[in-house]
């Protein structure tokens, strides 16, 4: 089963934090990525999804967008 790695980078001034999460899927899946409501990071955020040799990058995601959740296609052609 393919493994997708999701990297979330907080681009807030003075913050240099990247979080990595590995997700295993058996087929094309829409993954809902949400910010933990207890997190105070304000962003903006960049999200990169890596599945094998395929990279998808989403830039400039706001705190509100990530708090509400963004859909990421994983293991999709």
PDB file of N, CA and C in Angstrom:
ATOM      1  N   UNK A   1       0.837  -1.182   0.000  1.00  0.00           N
ATOM      2  CA  UNK A   1       0.000   0.000   0.000  1.00  0.00           C
ATOM      3  C   UNK A   1       0.877   1.239   0.000  1.00  0.00           C
ATOM      4  N   UNK A   2       0.549   2.217  -0.830  1.00  0.00           N
ATOM      5  CA  UNK A   2       1.343   3.443  -0.897  1.00  0.00           C
ATOM      6  C   UNK A   2       1.259   4.272   0.384  1.00  0.00           C
ATOM      7  N   UNK A   3       2.366   4.884   0.713  1.00  0.00           N
ATOM      8  CA  UNK A   3       2.434   5.781   1.865  1.00  0.00           C
ATOM      9  C   UNK A   3       2.568   7.199   1.334  1.00  0.00           C
ATOM     10  N   UNK A   4       1.719   8.089   1.830  1.00  0.00           N
ATOM     11  CA  UNK A   4       1.824   9.510   1.521  1.00  0.00           C
ATOM     12  C   UNK A   4       2.373  10.204   2.753  1.00  0.00           C
ATOM     13  N   UNK A   5       3.304  11.109   2.547  1.00  0.00           N
ATOM     14  CA  UNK A   5       3.854  11.900   3.636  1.00  0.00           C
ATOM     15  C   UNK A   5       3.357  13.321   3.468  1.00  0.00           C
ATOM     16  N   UNK A   6       2.773  13.866   4.533  1.00  0.00           N
ATOM     17  CA  UNK A   6       2.250  15.230   4.524  1.00  0.00           C
ATOM     18  C   UNK A   6       3.170  16.079   5.390  1.00  0.00           C
ATOM     19  N   UNK A   7       3.679  17.171   4.815  1.00  0.00           N
ATOM     20  CA  UNK A   7       4.510  18.126   5.545  1.00  0.00           C
ATOM     21  C   UNK A   7       3.714  19.419   5.693  1.00  0.00           C
ATOM     22  N   UNK A   8       3.574  19.901   6.919  1.00  0.00           N
ATOM     23  CA  UNK A   8       2.884  21.156   7.190  1.00  0.00           C
ATOM     24  C   UNK A   8       3.919  22.117   7.756  1.00  0.00           C
ATOM     25  N   UNK A   9       4.116  23.234   7.060  1.00  0.00           N
ATOM     26  CA  UNK A   9       5.102  24.228   7.484  1.00  0.00           C
ATOM     27  C   UNK A   9       4.393  25.501   7.898  1.00  0.00           C
ATOM     28  N   UNK A  10       4.692  25.979   9.107  1.00  0.00           N
ATOM     29  CA  UNK A  10       4.141  27.246   9.585  1.00  0.00           C
ATOM     30  C   UNK A  10       5.085  28.353   9.135  1.00  0.00           C
ATOM     31  N   UNK A  11       4.590  29.268   8.313  1.00  0.00           N
ATOM     32  CA  UNK A  11       5.422  30.348   7.781  1.00  0.00           C
ATOM     33  C   UNK A  11       5.266  31.654   8.543  1.00  0.00           C
ATOM     34  N   UNK A  12       4.731  31.586   9.745  1.00  0.00           N
ATOM     35  CA  UNK A  12       4.564  32.773  10.571  1.00  0.00           C
ATOM     36  C   UNK A  12       5.942  33.362  10.895  1.00  0.00           C
ATOM     37  N   UNK A  13       6.003  34.666  10.984  1.00  0.00           N
ATOM     38  CA  UNK A  13       7.260  35.348  11.290  1.00  0.00           C
ATOM     39  C   UNK A  13       7.852  34.808  12.587  1.00  0.00           C
ATOM     40  N   UNK A  14       9.108  34.406  12.542  1.00  0.00           N
ATOM     41  CA  UNK A  14       9.808  33.901  13.715  1.00  0.00           C
ATOM     42  C   UNK A  14       9.528  32.440  14.029  1.00  0.00           C
ATOM     43  N   UNK A  15       8.733  31.790  13.204  1.00  0.00           N
ATOM     44  CA  UNK A  15       8.406  30.387  13.443  1.00  0.00           C
ATOM     45  C   UNK A  15       8.968  29.549  12.303  1.00  0.00           C
ATOM     46  N   UNK A  16       9.751  28.557  12.643  1.00  0.00           N
ATOM     47  CA  UNK A  16      10.347  27.685  11.633  1.00  0.00           C
ATOM     48  C   UNK A  16      10.048  26.240  12.007  1.00  0.00           C
ATOM     49  N   UNK A  17       8.757  25.878  11.951  1.00  0.00           N
ATOM     50  CA  UNK A  17       8.339  24.552  12.382  1.00  0.00           C
ATOM     51  C   UNK A  17       7.684  23.815  11.221  1.00  0.00           C
ATOM     52  N   UNK A  18       8.118  22.580  10.993  1.00  0.00           N
ATOM     53  CA  UNK A  18       7.491  21.700  10.007  1.00  0.00           C
ATOM     54  C   UNK A  18       7.082  20.419  10.718  1.00  0.00           C
ATOM     55  N   UNK A  19       5.833  20.006  10.502  1.00  0.00           N
ATOM     56  CA  UNK A  19       5.301  18.779  11.082  1.00  0.00           C
ATOM     57  C   UNK A  19       5.154  17.771   9.953  1.00  0.00           C
ATOM     58  N   UNK A  20       5.517  16.529  10.225  1.00  0.00           N
ATOM     59  CA  UNK A  20       5.452  15.457   9.227  1.00  0.00           C
ATOM     60  C   UNK A  20       4.481  14.386   9.712  1.00  0.00           C
ATOM     61  N   UNK A  21       3.627  13.918   8.791  1.00  0.00           N
ATOM     62  CA  UNK A  21       2.670  12.851   9.089  1.00  0.00           C
ATOM     63  C   UNK A  21       2.661  11.864   7.938  1.00  0.00           C
ATOM     64  N   UNK A  22       2.712  10.563   8.237  1.00  0.00           N
ATOM     65  CA  UNK A  22       2.651   9.522   7.211  1.00  0.00           C
ATOM     66  C   UNK A  22       1.271   8.890   7.217  1.00  0.00           C
ATOM     67  N   UNK A  23       0.664   8.790   6.039  1.00  0.00           N
ATOM     68  CA  UNK A  23      -0.664   8.216   5.875  1.00  0.00           C
ATOM     69  C   UNK A  23      -0.559   7.080   4.860  1.00  0.00           C
ATOM     70  N   UNK A  24      -1.072   5.899   5.197  1.00  0.00           N
ATOM     71  CA  UNK A  24      -1.081   4.765   4.279  1.00  0.00           C
ATOM     72  C   UNK A  24      -2.486   4.609   3.710  1.00  0.00           C
ATOM     73  N   UNK A  25      -2.580   4.514   2.381  1.00  0.00           N
ATOM     74  CA  UNK A  25      -3.873   4.349   1.727  1.00  0.00           C
ATOM     75  C   UNK A  25      -3.798   3.189   0.753  1.00  0.00           C
ATOM     76  N   UNK A  26      -4.920   2.545   0.531  1.00  0.00           N
ATOM     77  CA  UNK A  26      -4.949   1.427  -0.415  1.00  0.00           C
ATOM     78  C   UNK A  26      -5.460   1.862  -1.785  1.00  0.00           C
ATOM     79  N   UNK A  27      -6.077   3.045  -1.851  1.00  0.00           N
ATOM     80  CA  UNK A  27      -6.581   3.557  -3.126  1.00  0.00           C
ATOM     81  C   UNK A  27      -6.674   5.076  -3.027  1.00  0.00           C
ATOM     82  N   UNK A  28      -7.119   5.704  -4.096  1.00  0.00           N
ATOM     83  CA  UNK A  28      -7.289   7.154  -4.121  1.00  0.00           C
ATOM     84  C   UNK A  28      -8.241   7.573  -2.997  1.00  0.00           C
ATOM     85  N   UNK A  29      -7.803   8.511  -2.176  1.00  0.00           N
ATOM     86  CA  UNK A  29      -8.561   8.933  -0.998  1.00  0.00           C
ATOM     87  C   UNK A  29      -8.479  10.436  -0.836  1.00  0.00           C
ATOM     88  N   UNK A  30      -9.593  11.073  -0.462  1.00  0.00           N
ATOM     89  CA  UNK A  30      -9.574  12.472  -0.045  1.00  0.00           C
ATOM     90  C   UNK A  30      -9.371  12.492   1.464  1.00  0.00           C
ATOM     91  N   UNK A  31      -8.271  13.081   1.893  1.00  0.00           N
ATOM     92  CA  UNK A  31      -7.913  13.142   3.310  1.00  0.00           C
ATOM     93  C   UNK A  31      -8.225  14.539   3.816  1.00  0.00           C
ATOM     94  N   UNK A  32      -8.962  14.653   4.911  1.00  0.00           N
ATOM     95  CA  UNK A  32      -9.296  15.945   5.489  1.00  0.00           C
ATOM     96  C   UNK A  32      -8.254  16.297   6.540  1.00  0.00           C
ATOM     97  N   UNK A  33      -7.488  17.342   6.266  1.00  0.00           N
ATOM     98  CA  UNK A  33      -6.433  17.793   7.174  1.00  0.00           C
ATOM     99  C   UNK A  33      -6.955  18.992   7.949  1.00  0.00           C
ATOM    100  N   UNK A  34      -6.938  18.865   9.278  1.00  0.00           N
ATOM    101  CA  UNK A  34      -7.407  19.948  10.149  1.00  0.00           C
ATOM    102  C   UNK A  34      -6.353  20.273  11.185  1.00  0.00           C
ATOM    103  N   UNK A  35      -6.329  21.534  11.557  1.00  0.00           N
ATOM    104  CA  UNK A  35      -5.449  22.012  12.613  1.00  0.00           C
ATOM    105  C   UNK A  35      -6.064  21.663  13.962  1.00  0.00           C
ATOM    106  N   UNK A  36      -5.264  21.171  14.872  1.00  0.00           N
ATOM    107  CA  UNK A  36      -5.727  20.899  16.223  1.00  0.00           C
ATOM    108  C   UNK A  36      -6.266  22.208  16.808  1.00  0.00           C
ATOM    109  N   UNK A  37      -7.485  22.227  17.352  1.00  0.00           N
ATOM    110  CA  UNK A  37      -8.068  23.474  17.855  1.00  0.00           C
ATOM    111  C   UNK A  37      -7.298  24.083  19.023  1.00  0.00           C
ATOM    112  N   UNK A  38      -6.431  23.322  19.670  1.00  0.00           N
ATOM    113  CA  UNK A  38      -5.643  23.850  20.791  1.00  0.00           C
ATOM    114  C   UNK A  38      -4.339  24.491  20.343  1.00  0.00           C
ATOM    115  N   UNK A  39      -4.063  24.464  19.038  1.00  0.00           N
ATOM    116  CA  UNK A  39      -2.822  25.028  18.511  1.00  0.00           C
ATOM    117  C   UNK A  39      -3.005  26.525  18.291  1.00  0.00           C
ATOM    118  N   UNK A  40      -2.017  27.314  18.700  1.00  0.00           N
ATOM    119  CA  UNK A  40      -2.100  28.765  18.565  1.00  0.00           C
ATOM    120  C   UNK A  40      -1.344  29.304  17.360  1.00  0.00           C
ATOM    121  N   UNK A  41      -0.745  28.431  16.557  1.00  0.00           N
ATOM    122  CA  UNK A  41      -0.007  28.890  15.385  1.00  0.00           C
ATOM    123  C   UNK A  41      -0.966  29.561  14.408  1.00  0.00           C
ATOM    124  N   UNK A  42      -0.567  30.692  13.865  1.00  0.00           N
ATOM    125  CA  UNK A  42      -1.462  31.482  13.025  1.00  0.00           C
ATOM    126  C   UNK A  42      -1.169  31.384  11.542  1.00  0.00           C
ATOM    127  N   UNK A  43      -0.015  30.831  11.164  1.00  0.00           N
ATOM    128  CA  UNK A  43       0.289  30.693   9.737  1.00  0.00           C
ATOM    129  C   UNK A  43       0.675  32.012   9.111  1.00  0.00           C
ATOM    130  N   UNK A  44       0.696  32.079   7.815  1.00  0.00           N
ATOM    131  CA  UNK A  44       0.156  31.129   6.846  1.00  0.00           C
ATOM    132  C   UNK A  44       0.964  29.826   6.819  1.00  0.00           C
ATOM    133  N   UNK A  45       0.355  28.808   6.241  1.00  0.00           N
ATOM    134  CA  UNK A  45       0.937  27.477   6.211  1.00  0.00           C
ATOM    135  C   UNK A  45       1.153  27.019   4.779  1.00  0.00           C
ATOM    136  N   UNK A  46       2.166  26.195   4.588  1.00  0.00           N
ATOM    137  CA  UNK A  46       2.368  25.469   3.334  1.00  0.00           C
ATOM    138  C   UNK A  46       2.192  23.999   3.650  1.00  0.00           C
ATOM    139  N   UNK A  47       1.508  23.285   2.754  1.00  0.00           N
ATOM    140  CA  UNK A  47       1.297  21.850   2.917  1.00  0.00           C
ATOM    141  C   UNK A  47       1.837  21.164   1.676  1.00  0.00           C
ATOM    142  N   UNK A  48       2.698  20.180   1.876  1.00  0.00           N
ATOM    143  CA  UNK A  48       3.239  19.396   0.772  1.00  0.00           C
ATOM    144  C   UNK A  48       2.883  17.933   1.008  1.00  0.00           C
ATOM    145  N   UNK A  49       2.355  17.303  -0.037  1.00  0.00           N
ATOM    146  CA  UNK A  49       2.008  15.883   0.014  1.00  0.00           C
ATOM    147  C   UNK A  49       2.935  15.151  -0.947  1.00  0.00           C
ATOM    148  N   UNK A  50       3.629  14.123  -0.444  1.00  0.00           N
ATOM    149  CA  UNK A  50       4.553  13.338  -1.258  1.00  0.00           C
ATOM    150  C   UNK A  50       4.070  11.891  -1.251  1.00  0.00           C
ATOM    151  N   UNK A  51       3.785  11.372  -2.437  1.00  0.00           N
ATOM    152  CA  UNK A  51       3.442   9.955  -2.602  1.00  0.00           C
ATOM    153  C   UNK A  51       4.348   9.413  -3.690  1.00  0.00           C
ATOM    154  N   UNK A  52       5.325   8.598  -3.295  1.00  0.00           N
ATOM    155  CA  UNK A  52       6.308   8.113  -4.261  1.00  0.00           C
ATOM    156  C   UNK A  52       7.084   9.287  -4.838  1.00  0.00           C
ATOM    157  N   UNK A  53       7.034   9.440  -6.164  1.00  0.00           N
ATOM    158  CA  UNK A  53       7.750  10.529  -6.828  1.00  0.00           C
ATOM    159  C   UNK A  53       6.839  11.721  -7.125  1.00  0.00           C
ATOM    160  N   UNK A  54       5.589  11.674  -6.653  1.00  0.00           N
ATOM    161  CA  UNK A  54       4.616  12.734  -6.929  1.00  0.00           C
ATOM    162  C   UNK A  54       4.550  13.704  -5.752  1.00  0.00           C
ATOM    163  N   UNK A  55       4.748  15.011  -6.057  1.00  0.00           N
ATOM    164  CA  UNK A  55       4.685  16.069  -5.055  1.00  0.00           C
ATOM    165  C   UNK A  55       3.493  16.970  -5.368  1.00  0.00           C
ATOM    166  N   UNK A  56       2.695  17.291  -4.357  1.00  0.00           N
ATOM    167  CA  UNK A  56       1.641  18.282  -4.479  1.00  0.00           C
ATOM    168  C   UNK A  56       1.887  19.314  -3.396  1.00  0.00           C
ATOM    169  N   UNK A  57       1.920  20.599  -3.768  1.00  0.00           N
ATOM    170  CA  UNK A  57       2.187  21.643  -2.796  1.00  0.00           C
ATOM    171  C   UNK A  57       1.050  22.648  -2.793  1.00  0.00           C
ATOM    172  N   UNK A  58       0.618  23.000  -1.608  1.00  0.00           N
ATOM    173  CA  UNK A  58      -0.435  23.991  -1.392  1.00  0.00           C
ATOM    174  C   UNK A  58       0.187  25.090  -0.542  1.00  0.00           C
ATOM    175  N   UNK A  59       0.188  26.323  -1.025  1.00  0.00           N
ATOM    176  CA  UNK A  59       0.870  27.403  -0.317  1.00  0.00           C
ATOM    177  C   UNK A  59      -0.127  28.470   0.143  1.00  0.00           C
ATOM    178  N   UNK A  60       0.273  29.184   1.176  1.00  0.00           N
ATOM    179  CA  UNK A  60      -0.518  30.315   1.657  1.00  0.00           C
ATOM    180  C   UNK A  60      -1.836  29.932   2.301  1.00  0.00           C
ATOM    181  N   UNK A  61      -1.903  28.764   2.908  1.00  0.00           N
ATOM    182  CA  UNK A  61      -3.137  28.328   3.560  1.00  0.00           C
ATOM    183  C   UNK A  61      -3.286  29.099   4.869  1.00  0.00           C
ATOM    184  N   UNK A  62      -4.453  29.671   5.078  1.00  0.00           N
ATOM    185  CA  UNK A  62      -4.681  30.488   6.267  1.00  0.00           C
ATOM    186  C   UNK A  62      -5.002  29.624   7.479  1.00  0.00           C
ATOM    187  N   UNK A  63      -4.912  30.237   8.635  1.00  0.00           N
ATOM    188  CA  UNK A  63      -5.265  29.563   9.886  1.00  0.00           C
ATOM    189  C   UNK A  63      -6.714  29.080   9.828  1.00  0.00           C
ATOM    190  N   UNK A  64      -7.621  29.938   9.361  1.00  0.00           N
ATOM    191  CA  UNK A  64      -9.044  29.583   9.292  1.00  0.00           C
ATOM    192  C   UNK A  64      -9.278  28.414   8.348  1.00  0.00           C
ATOM    193  N   UNK A  65      -8.627  28.433   7.188  1.00  0.00           N
ATOM    194  CA  UNK A  65      -8.778  27.320   6.241  1.00  0.00           C
ATOM    195  C   UNK A  65      -8.317  26.008   6.866  1.00  0.00           C
ATOM    196  N   UNK A  66      -7.176  26.033   7.534  1.00  0.00           N
ATOM    197  CA  UNK A  66      -6.635  24.812   8.126  1.00  0.00           C
ATOM    198  C   UNK A  66      -7.435  24.391   9.362  1.00  0.00           C
ATOM    199  N   UNK A  67      -7.968  25.344  10.085  1.00  0.00           N
ATOM    200  CA  UNK A  67      -8.815  25.023  11.239  1.00  0.00           C
ATOM    201  C   UNK A  67     -10.109  24.348  10.772  1.00  0.00           C
ATOM    202  N   UNK A  68     -10.682  24.838   9.677  1.00  0.00           N
ATOM    203  CA  UNK A  68     -11.919  24.258   9.126  1.00  0.00           C
ATOM    204  C   UNK A  68     -11.654  22.948   8.401  1.00  0.00           C
ATOM    205  N   UNK A  69     -10.448  22.782   7.885  1.00  0.00           N
ATOM    206  CA  UNK A  69     -10.063  21.561   7.196  1.00  0.00           C
ATOM    207  C   UNK A  69      -9.912  21.764   5.707  1.00  0.00           C
ATOM    208  N   UNK A  70      -8.853  21.201   5.146  1.00  0.00           N
ATOM    209  CA  UNK A  70      -8.652  21.210   3.700  1.00  0.00           C
ATOM    210  C   UNK A  70      -8.588  19.768   3.228  1.00  0.00           C
ATOM    211  N   UNK A  71      -9.146  19.511   2.059  1.00  0.00           N
ATOM    212  CA  UNK A  71      -9.135  18.163   1.508  1.00  0.00           C
ATOM    213  C   UNK A  71      -7.894  17.967   0.649  1.00  0.00           C
ATOM    214  N   UNK A  72      -7.192  16.881   0.931  1.00  0.00           N
ATOM    215  CA  UNK A  72      -5.993  16.548   0.175  1.00  0.00           C
ATOM    216  C   UNK A  72      -6.203  15.213  -0.527  1.00  0.00           C
ATOM    217  N   UNK A  73      -6.041  15.158  -1.863  1.00  0.00           N
ATOM    218  CA  UNK A  73      -6.130  13.878  -2.538  1.00  0.00           C
ATOM    219  C   UNK A  73      -4.840  13.088  -2.289  1.00  0.00           C
ATOM    220  N   UNK A  74      -4.976  11.866  -1.782  1.00  0.00           N
ATOM    221  CA  UNK A  74      -3.827  11.000  -1.527  1.00  0.00           C
ATOM    222  C   UNK A  74      -3.896   9.777  -2.439  1.00  0.00           C
ATOM    223  N   UNK A  75      -2.747   9.432  -3.015  1.00  0.00           N
ATOM    224  CA  UNK A  75      -2.616   8.236  -3.845  1.00  0.00           C
ATOM    225  C   UNK A  75      -3.557   8.293  -5.037  1.00  0.00           C
ATOM    226  N   UNK A  76      -3.720   9.484  -5.618  1.00  0.00           N
ATOM    227  CA  UNK A  76      -4.598   9.668  -6.774  1.00  0.00           C
ATOM    228  C   UNK A  76      -3.749  10.004  -8.013  1.00  0.00           C
ATOM    229  N   UNK A  77      -4.148   9.455  -9.172  1.00  0.00           N
ATOM    230  CA  UNK A  77      -3.368   9.751 -10.390  1.00  0.00           C
ATOM    231  C   UNK A  77      -3.509  11.202 -10.820  1.00  0.00           C
TER     232      UNK A  77
END
